[in-house]
Amino acid sequence: MLDQLEELGFYPRRARVSCLQAHSKSLVHKDAATNNYMARIHIPLITNKKCVHICQGKSLHMPADGSVYIMWVNVWHQIRNDSDEDRYHIIMDAYDTKHVTNNFKYMGDIKLLEEDAIAYRKNVDAVTLTPEEIAYFDKIKSKFVTKKE
């Protein structure tokens, strides 16, 4: 899938599976400054009509029907799951480098973006955690990836 998106010119980065637990919501937030290019691809895996993305006063449900969505996340938005089931999406940053979309054309220098990503990765790799910090984060992580009984 990532290779296909790359061939199409979307330069996918930071791909992950995201779980929004039942009866939860994000804070209203922006993932980048308004003047920064920040588009994100969503591929719904498991969802239902009570799971929505709210942006600019509109609610969007993304069904898990094989569709792929791209949206700006440098604007105020929120995700909500008002259902009894966890919602799962594949999410990734995307840069339309071949200008195949009408609204998400990336006009920047992708080489600069790559250099920033390499520098960021070096900083992340340089971080060392104590055994106590690792145990703490494992405990928090389990809260978000374990289904409630």
Protein backbone atom coordinates (compact mmCIF):
# COMPACT_ATOMS: atom_id res chain seq x y z
CA MET A 1 0.00 0.00 0.00
CA LEU A 2 2.76 2.47 0.92
CA ASP A 3 4.63 1.65 -2.29
CA GLN A 4 1.47 2.31 -4.34
CA LEU A 5 0.91 5.66 -2.62
CA GLU A 6 4.56 6.55 -3.21
CA GLU A 7 4.23 5.69 -6.93
CA LEU A 8 1.16 7.94 -7.13
CA GLY A 9 3.27 10.77 -5.74
CA PHE A 10 1.78 11.05 -2.25
CA TYR A 11 5.08 10.58 -0.40
CA PRO A 12 3.44 8.84 2.61
CA ARG A 13 5.22 9.23 5.96
CA ARG A 14 4.61 8.30 9.60
CA ALA A 15 2.14 5.50 8.76
CA ARG A 16 0.46 3.88 11.74
CA VAL A 17 -2.72 2.15 12.87
CA SER A 18 -4.69 4.40 15.17
CA CYS A 19 -7.27 3.22 17.68
CA LEU A 20 -9.92 5.60 18.98
CA GLN A 21 -11.49 3.78 21.90
CA ALA A 22 -15.23 3.46 22.34
CA HIS A 23 -16.87 6.49 23.95
CA SER A 24 -13.82 8.72 23.54
CA LYS A 25 -12.79 11.82 21.67
CA SER A 26 -9.72 13.88 20.96
CA LEU A 27 -9.28 17.42 22.10
CA VAL A 28 -10.11 20.04 19.49
CA HIS A 29 -6.66 20.56 17.96
CA LYS A 30 -4.47 21.38 14.96
CA ASP A 31 -1.55 19.13 14.00
CA ALA A 32 0.46 22.00 12.52
CA ALA A 33 0.34 25.75 12.11
CA THR A 34 -2.25 26.91 9.60
CA ASN A 35 0.41 28.13 7.17
CA ASN A 36 2.27 24.75 7.24
CA TYR A 37 1.42 22.03 4.73
CA MET A 38 -0.06 19.17 6.75
CA ALA A 39 -2.32 16.72 4.95
CA ARG A 40 -3.13 13.29 6.26
CA ILE A 41 -4.45 10.14 4.62
CA HIS A 42 -7.03 8.05 6.51
CA ILE A 43 -7.91 4.50 5.54
CA PRO A 44 -10.72 3.26 7.81
CA LEU A 45 -10.35 -0.36 8.90
CA ILE A 46 -13.02 -0.83 11.57
CA THR A 47 -15.57 1.89 12.22
CA ASN A 48 -19.26 2.71 12.40
CA LYS A 49 -21.54 5.72 11.85
CA LYS A 50 -21.02 6.99 15.40
CA CYS A 51 -17.33 7.63 14.65
CA VAL A 52 -16.81 11.05 13.07
CA HIS A 53 -14.16 13.61 12.15
CA ILE A 54 -15.42 17.12 12.92
CA CYS A 55 -13.91 20.06 11.06
CA GLN A 56 -15.21 23.54 10.28
CA GLY A 57 -18.62 22.72 11.76
CA LYS A 58 -19.12 19.61 9.65
CA SER A 59 -19.07 15.97 10.74
CA LEU A 60 -17.63 13.35 8.41
CA HIS A 61 -18.02 9.62 8.91
CA MET A 62 -15.46 7.65 6.92
CA PRO A 63 -16.86 4.16 6.28
CA ALA A 64 -14.56 1.13 6.15
CA ASP A 65 -15.50 0.34 2.56
CA GLY A 66 -12.05 0.49 0.95
CA SER A 67 -12.15 4.27 0.46
CA VAL A 68 -9.11 6.43 1.13
CA TYR A 69 -9.49 9.96 2.50
CA ILE A 70 -7.06 12.87 2.50
CA MET A 71 -7.70 15.92 4.64
CA TRP A 72 -6.01 18.98 6.04
CA VAL A 73 -5.05 18.60 9.69
CA ASN A 74 -3.51 22.07 10.02
CA VAL A 75 -7.01 23.37 10.82
CA TRP A 76 -9.00 22.96 14.04
CA HIS A 77 -10.59 19.51 14.17
CA GLN A 78 -11.70 16.76 16.51
CA ILE A 79 -12.38 13.04 16.25
CA ARG A 80 -15.19 11.40 18.22
CA ASN A 81 -16.27 7.84 18.84
CA ASP A 82 -19.71 7.83 20.43
CA SER A 83 -20.15 4.10 19.86
CA ASP A 84 -19.58 0.97 21.95
CA GLU A 85 -16.80 -0.25 19.61
CA ASP A 86 -13.20 0.88 19.11
CA ARG A 87 -12.45 2.62 15.79
CA TYR A 88 -9.30 1.70 13.80
CA HIS A 89 -7.79 3.69 10.92
CA ILE A 90 -4.49 3.54 9.07
CA ILE A 91 -3.24 7.13 9.21
CA MET A 92 -0.24 8.72 7.53
CA ASP A 93 1.10 12.12 6.58
CA ALA A 94 0.90 12.70 2.82
CA TYR A 95 2.51 15.10 0.38
CA ASP A 96 1.01 15.28 -3.12
CA THR A 97 4.31 15.70 -4.97
CA LYS A 98 2.92 14.83 -8.42
CA HIS A 99 -0.09 17.17 -8.08
CA VAL A 100 -2.73 14.53 -8.74
CA THR A 101 -5.24 16.20 -6.40
CA ASN A 102 -6.96 19.54 -6.81
CA ASN A 103 -6.59 20.72 -3.21
CA PHE A 104 -3.50 19.04 -1.72
CA LYS A 105 -0.64 19.88 -4.10
CA TYR A 106 2.70 20.00 -2.28
CA MET A 107 4.72 22.91 -3.66
CA GLY A 108 7.73 22.60 -1.35
CA ASP A 109 11.09 20.94 -1.91
CA ILE A 110 10.68 17.30 -0.93
CA LYS A 111 14.46 17.01 -0.42
CA LEU A 112 14.23 19.53 2.44
CA LEU A 113 11.42 17.49 3.93
CA GLU A 114 13.59 14.36 3.74
CA GLU A 115 16.48 16.16 5.45
CA ASP A 116 14.17 17.32 8.24
CA ALA A 117 12.89 13.76 8.68
CA ILE A 118 16.43 12.37 8.91
CA ALA A 119 17.39 14.98 11.52
CA TYR A 120 14.21 14.27 13.49
CA ARG A 121 14.90 10.51 13.41
CA LYS A 122 18.45 11.09 14.70
CA ASN A 123 17.05 13.08 17.62
CA VAL A 124 14.49 10.38 18.41
CA ASP A 125 17.12 7.63 18.19
CA ALA A 126 19.43 9.58 20.55
CA VAL A 127 16.88 9.49 23.37
CA THR A 128 17.52 6.93 26.10
CA LEU A 129 14.93 5.95 28.65
CA THR A 130 15.43 4.52 32.10
CA PRO A 131 13.79 1.18 32.97
CA GLU A 132 11.30 3.14 35.11
CA GLU A 133 10.36 5.39 32.17
CA ILE A 134 9.93 2.37 29.90
CA ALA A 135 7.66 0.68 32.47
CA TYR A 136 5.63 3.89 32.82
CA PHE A 137 5.12 4.23 29.04
CA ASP A 138 4.29 0.52 28.69
CA LYS A 139 1.58 0.98 31.33
CA ILE A 140 0.14 4.01 29.52
CA LYS A 141 0.38 2.27 26.14
CA SER A 142 -1.59 -0.74 27.39
CA LYS A 143 -4.41 1.61 28.41
CA PHE A 144 -4.78 2.75 24.80
CA VAL A 145 -4.35 -0.54 22.96
CA THR A 146 -6.27 -2.92 25.24
CA LYS A 147 -10.00 -3.32 24.81
CA LYS A 148 -12.05 -2.45 27.85
CA GLU A 149 -13.81 -5.45 29.36
